[in-house]
């Protein structure tokens, strides 16, 4: 098995939105904002090559939206989904499975693209199945007012139209050494992958814990739909992950790709930070 970080570019989001009720004088020391109070965040995906399958977790924001849409999020960085795959010797046609943690646009937008003459939306990965939790899929089709702007029909409906949508109902093993667990605090049905790799468990964090700076239990985002429930999920998750010596792989942390954990008198915190390739 090979695990490879796939960088799809960065986006900027308001620091206050990303840290909710935590005062800026605290979070800005951990994750600095610019003069417009914007923080830069990665959209880092994970490619799991088992030999038989090439499983891509999430796909970034993509490039099919309007200039007005992208003007809200300041896309930046030297990488795209395609260039990052190519750097490792892959193309989008090599992907057999696209596991999508949830259907907010910055996690699934890259899964759908326009055809060459921009007349039709088609899957970016023509040979891949799309794996989404049923709970998240049903929410995306009938969103609440809080999340409606994050669920874009052009990202979602073409998956169903492709005939390759696979809905996941419960915590399960999707593939050998590749399990998913479902969490509901950030959004209903967020699906978090757990991968056994080199005798460790690598956990793809998505928006359960977006960055190392979000490890403290009260450090939530304003985007989290059920904050009190998420706090319980985080506490249980972090205690279990620390006990099992798991490694967290961060989708959104611009500065840290992975970390190990330790239990302190203030709760579970990062032990060491490092890149996946250092394992």
Protein backbone atom coordinates (compact mmCIF):
# COMPACT_ATOMS: atom_id res chain seq x y z
CA UNK A 1 0.00 0.00 0.00
CA UNK A 2 1.13 3.54 -0.80
CA UNK A 3 -0.28 6.70 0.77
CA UNK A 4 0.32 10.01 -1.00
CA UNK A 5 -0.72 13.55 -0.10
CA UNK A 6 -2.48 15.17 -3.06
CA UNK A 7 -2.48 18.97 -2.86
CA UNK A 8 -5.32 20.57 -4.81
CA UNK A 9 -4.57 24.19 -3.90
CA UNK A 10 -5.49 26.52 -1.05
CA UNK A 11 -8.37 28.83 -0.18
CA UNK A 12 -8.80 31.71 2.26
CA UNK A 13 -11.50 31.86 4.91
CA UNK A 14 -12.29 34.34 7.66
CA UNK A 15 -10.35 33.51 10.80
CA UNK A 16 -13.29 34.31 13.06
CA UNK A 17 -15.47 31.87 11.13
CA UNK A 18 -12.82 29.18 11.38
CA UNK A 19 -12.44 29.53 15.15
CA UNK A 20 -15.96 30.59 16.17
CA UNK A 21 -16.15 31.90 19.73
CA UNK A 22 -12.42 31.53 20.46
CA UNK A 23 -10.92 35.05 20.71
CA UNK A 24 -8.54 36.12 17.96
CA UNK A 25 -5.82 36.98 20.49
CA UNK A 26 -5.68 33.22 21.19
CA UNK A 27 -6.13 31.59 17.80
CA UNK A 28 -4.07 34.10 15.83
CA UNK A 29 -0.95 32.92 17.64
CA UNK A 30 -1.61 29.38 16.45
CA UNK A 31 -2.92 30.10 12.94
CA UNK A 32 -2.17 33.68 11.81
CA UNK A 33 -4.56 35.79 9.76
CA UNK A 34 -3.67 38.47 7.21
CA UNK A 35 -4.65 42.15 7.30
CA UNK A 36 -8.15 41.22 6.11
CA UNK A 37 -8.59 38.65 8.89
CA UNK A 38 -8.31 35.84 6.33
CA UNK A 39 -6.42 32.63 7.04
CA UNK A 40 -4.99 30.46 4.28
CA UNK A 41 -6.10 26.81 4.31
CA UNK A 42 -5.02 23.83 2.28
CA UNK A 43 -7.33 21.46 0.44
CA UNK A 44 -5.11 18.40 0.86
CA UNK A 45 -6.50 15.08 -0.32
CA UNK A 46 -5.13 11.59 0.22
CA UNK A 47 -4.45 8.93 -2.40
CA UNK A 48 -4.46 5.33 -1.17
CA UNK A 49 -2.92 2.95 -3.71
CA UNK A 50 -3.55 -0.65 -2.68
CA UNK A 51 -2.22 -2.12 -5.90
CA UNK A 52 -5.69 -3.19 -7.01
CA UNK A 53 -7.41 0.10 -6.23
CA UNK A 54 -6.45 3.75 -6.24
CA UNK A 55 -8.70 5.44 -3.71
CA UNK A 56 -8.78 9.25 -3.57
CA UNK A 57 -10.25 10.82 -0.45
CA UNK A 58 -12.01 14.11 -1.30
CA UNK A 59 -11.08 16.20 -4.35
CA UNK A 60 -10.74 19.86 -3.41
CA UNK A 61 -12.78 22.75 -4.79
CA UNK A 62 -12.29 22.21 -8.51
CA UNK A 63 -12.19 25.00 -11.10
CA UNK A 64 -15.63 25.06 -12.72
CA UNK A 65 -17.27 27.79 -10.63
CA UNK A 66 -17.58 31.41 -11.70
CA UNK A 67 -15.00 34.12 -11.08
CA UNK A 68 -17.51 35.73 -8.70
CA UNK A 69 -17.71 32.52 -6.65
CA UNK A 70 -13.94 32.12 -6.47
CA UNK A 71 -13.65 35.79 -5.56
CA UNK A 72 -15.08 34.92 -2.15
CA UNK A 73 -12.43 32.30 -1.42
CA UNK A 74 -9.17 33.57 -2.98
CA UNK A 75 -7.91 30.27 -4.42
CA UNK A 76 -4.12 30.17 -4.39
CA UNK A 77 -1.13 27.84 -4.39
CA UNK A 78 1.08 26.11 -6.93
CA UNK A 79 -0.86 22.83 -7.14
CA UNK A 80 -4.03 21.53 -8.71
CA UNK A 81 -5.62 18.09 -8.39
CA UNK A 82 -4.29 17.08 -11.80
CA UNK A 83 -0.76 18.43 -11.31
CA UNK A 84 -0.39 16.84 -7.90
CA UNK A 85 -1.53 13.46 -9.21
CA UNK A 86 0.85 13.80 -12.17
CA UNK A 87 3.75 14.58 -9.85
CA UNK A 88 3.25 11.12 -8.36
CA UNK A 89 2.78 9.43 -11.73
CA UNK A 90 -1.04 9.22 -11.81
CA UNK A 91 -3.86 10.70 -13.87
CA UNK A 92 -7.50 11.18 -12.98
CA UNK A 93 -8.31 8.10 -15.09
CA UNK A 94 -6.30 5.94 -12.66
CA UNK A 95 -8.66 6.63 -9.76
CA UNK A 96 -10.97 3.67 -9.05
CA UNK A 97 -12.77 5.11 -6.02
CA UNK A 98 -13.48 8.63 -4.80
CA UNK A 99 -14.37 8.54 -1.10
CA UNK A 100 -16.01 11.85 -0.22
CA UNK A 101 -16.06 12.78 3.46
CA UNK A 102 -18.94 15.20 2.91
CA UNK A 103 -20.42 17.25 0.10
CA UNK A 104 -19.40 20.80 1.03
CA UNK A 105 -17.93 22.36 -2.11
CA UNK A 106 -14.30 22.49 -0.91
CA UNK A 107 -14.31 18.71 -0.40
CA UNK A 108 -16.06 17.47 -3.54
CA UNK A 109 -15.93 20.21 -6.19
CA UNK A 110 -12.98 18.60 -7.96
CA UNK A 111 -14.93 15.38 -8.51
CA UNK A 112 -17.04 16.93 -11.27
CA UNK A 113 -15.80 18.98 -14.24
CA UNK A 114 -17.01 20.36 -17.56
CA UNK A 115 -16.41 18.41 -20.73
CA UNK A 116 -14.07 19.93 -23.32
CA UNK A 117 -16.65 22.26 -24.89
CA UNK A 118 -18.17 23.15 -21.49
CA UNK A 119 -21.63 21.92 -22.43
CA UNK A 120 -21.95 19.11 -19.89
CA UNK A 121 -20.84 18.31 -16.36
CA UNK A 122 -19.08 14.95 -16.13
CA UNK A 123 -17.12 12.98 -13.52
CA UNK A 124 -13.46 13.98 -13.27
CA UNK A 125 -12.61 10.33 -12.53
CA UNK A 126 -14.28 8.44 -15.37
CA UNK A 127 -13.43 5.00 -13.95
CA UNK A 128 -14.29 5.68 -10.30
CA UNK A 129 -17.18 4.97 -7.96
CA UNK A 130 -18.28 7.80 -5.67
CA UNK A 131 -18.64 6.83 -1.99
CA UNK A 132 -20.79 9.12 0.18
CA UNK A 133 -22.73 8.49 3.38
CA UNK A 134 -26.48 8.18 2.82
CA UNK A 135 -27.14 10.64 5.63
CA UNK A 136 -24.96 13.28 3.99
CA UNK A 137 -26.40 12.62 0.53
CA UNK A 138 -29.97 13.10 1.70
CA UNK A 139 -29.01 16.29 3.52
CA UNK A 140 -27.26 17.67 0.42
CA UNK A 141 -30.39 17.10 -1.67
CA UNK A 142 -32.59 18.75 0.98
CA UNK A 143 -30.23 21.12 2.81
CA UNK A 144 -30.98 23.21 5.85
CA UNK A 145 -30.72 26.98 5.41
CA UNK A 146 -27.39 27.09 7.25
CA UNK A 147 -25.60 24.72 4.87
CA UNK A 148 -27.45 25.38 1.64
CA UNK A 149 -24.70 27.60 0.20
CA UNK A 150 -22.12 24.83 0.70
CA UNK A 151 -24.07 22.18 -1.24
CA UNK A 152 -23.86 23.00 -4.95
CA UNK A 153 -26.07 20.95 -7.23
CA UNK A 154 -23.46 21.02 -10.00
CA UNK A 155 -21.08 19.16 -7.66
CA UNK A 156 -23.64 16.62 -6.49
CA UNK A 157 -26.24 15.64 -9.09
CA UNK A 158 -23.73 14.49 -11.76
CA UNK A 159 -22.48 11.84 -9.32
CA UNK A 160 -25.92 10.28 -9.25
CA UNK A 161 -26.37 10.69 -12.99
CA UNK A 162 -23.11 8.81 -13.60
CA UNK A 163 -24.64 5.64 -12.13
CA UNK A 164 -21.55 5.16 -9.95
CA UNK A 165 -22.80 6.62 -6.68
CA UNK A 166 -22.41 4.26 -3.69
CA UNK A 167 -24.19 5.23 -0.48
CA UNK A 168 -22.79 4.15 2.89
CA UNK A 169 -25.22 3.60 5.76
CA UNK A 170 -23.01 2.81 8.76
CA UNK A 171 -19.47 2.57 10.09
CA UNK A 172 -17.92 -0.08 7.87
CA UNK A 173 -14.84 -1.40 6.10
CA UNK A 174 -15.08 -0.14 2.53
CA UNK A 175 -11.88 -1.87 1.39
CA UNK A 176 -9.19 -4.01 2.99
CA UNK A 177 -7.46 -1.96 5.73
CA UNK A 178 -9.73 1.00 4.91
CA UNK A 179 -12.62 1.75 7.27
CA UNK A 180 -14.95 4.72 7.64
CA UNK A 181 -16.74 6.09 10.68
CA UNK A 182 -19.65 8.52 10.52
CA UNK A 183 -19.79 11.74 12.57
CA UNK A 184 -22.57 14.31 12.73
CA UNK A 185 -21.30 17.37 14.63
CA UNK A 186 -19.89 19.29 11.66
CA UNK A 187 -22.56 18.11 9.24
CA UNK A 188 -24.86 15.10 9.23
CA UNK A 189 -23.08 12.04 7.92
CA UNK A 190 -19.49 13.26 7.66
CA UNK A 191 -17.51 10.11 6.82
CA UNK A 192 -14.01 9.89 8.33
CA UNK A 193 -11.58 7.32 6.81
CA UNK A 194 -9.25 5.16 8.93
CA UNK A 195 -6.41 3.48 7.00
CA UNK A 196 -4.06 0.82 8.36
CA UNK A 197 -0.57 1.67 7.12
CA UNK A 198 2.84 0.48 8.31
CA UNK A 199 1.34 -0.89 11.53
CA UNK A 200 -0.27 2.46 12.35
CA UNK A 201 -3.74 3.89 11.73
CA UNK A 202 -3.85 7.03 9.60
CA UNK A 203 -7.04 9.03 10.10
CA UNK A 204 -8.13 11.52 7.44
CA UNK A 205 -9.53 14.40 9.48
CA UNK A 206 -11.63 16.34 6.93
CA UNK A 207 -13.67 18.86 8.99
CA UNK A 208 -13.86 16.83 12.19
CA UNK A 209 -10.61 18.57 13.20
CA UNK A 210 -9.46 20.87 10.38
CA UNK A 211 -5.98 21.67 11.73
CA UNK A 212 -3.58 21.14 14.62
CA UNK A 213 -4.83 24.47 15.96
CA UNK A 214 -8.31 22.92 16.34
CA UNK A 215 -7.22 20.09 18.65
CA UNK A 216 -8.52 21.73 21.87
CA UNK A 217 -12.12 20.66 22.37
CA UNK A 218 -13.67 24.19 22.38
CA UNK A 219 -11.84 25.20 19.18
CA UNK A 220 -14.69 24.74 16.72
CA UNK A 221 -15.75 26.44 13.48
CA UNK A 222 -18.80 28.60 12.91
CA UNK A 223 -19.52 26.18 10.06
CA UNK A 224 -20.12 23.33 12.53
CA UNK A 225 -23.86 22.67 12.62
CA UNK A 226 -24.07 20.93 16.01
CA UNK A 227 -21.26 22.39 18.13
CA UNK A 228 -22.12 20.73 21.43
CA UNK A 229 -22.43 17.35 19.75
CA UNK A 230 -19.15 17.94 17.93
CA UNK A 231 -17.39 18.69 21.21
CA UNK A 232 -18.45 15.29 22.52
CA UNK A 233 -17.39 13.61 19.28
CA UNK A 234 -13.99 15.32 19.37
CA UNK A 235 -13.32 14.35 22.98
CA UNK A 236 -14.20 10.70 22.42
CA UNK A 237 -12.33 10.62 19.12
CA UNK A 238 -9.14 12.21 20.46
CA UNK A 239 -8.98 10.00 23.54
CA UNK A 240 -9.39 6.90 21.39
CA UNK A 241 -6.88 8.10 18.78
CA UNK A 242 -4.27 8.95 21.42
CA UNK A 243 -4.77 5.60 23.16
CA UNK A 244 -4.32 3.76 19.86
CA UNK A 245 -1.27 5.80 18.81
CA UNK A 246 -3.07 6.88 15.65
CA UNK A 247 -1.78 9.51 13.23
CA UNK A 248 -3.99 12.40 12.15
CA UNK A 249 -3.78 13.54 8.52
CA UNK A 250 -5.08 17.09 8.07
CA UNK A 251 -6.96 18.24 5.00
CA UNK A 252 -7.00 21.95 5.79
CA UNK A 253 -3.87 22.68 7.85
CA UNK A 254 -1.54 24.74 5.65
CA UNK A 255 1.41 24.25 7.99
CA UNK A 256 1.12 20.69 9.26
CA UNK A 257 0.30 17.60 7.21
CA UNK A 258 0.21 15.03 10.05
CA UNK A 259 0.58 14.77 13.78
CA UNK A 260 0.83 12.17 16.49
CA UNK A 261 -0.92 12.72 19.82
CA UNK A 262 -0.19 12.80 23.53
CA UNK A 263 -2.40 13.09 26.60
CA UNK A 264 -1.69 16.15 28.74
CA UNK A 265 -3.31 17.75 31.76
CA UNK A 266 -5.09 20.08 29.31
CA UNK A 267 -6.41 17.25 27.18
CA UNK A 268 -5.12 15.55 24.04
CA UNK A 269 -2.58 17.65 22.12
CA UNK A 270 -0.15 17.18 19.26
CA UNK A 271 2.99 15.25 20.07
CA UNK A 272 4.98 15.57 16.86
CA UNK A 273 4.07 17.14 13.50
CA UNK A 274 5.49 15.75 10.25
CA UNK A 275 4.75 14.93 6.61
CA UNK A 276 3.23 11.62 5.63
CA UNK A 277 6.27 10.65 3.57
CA UNK A 278 8.39 10.71 6.75
CA UNK A 279 6.61 7.61 8.12
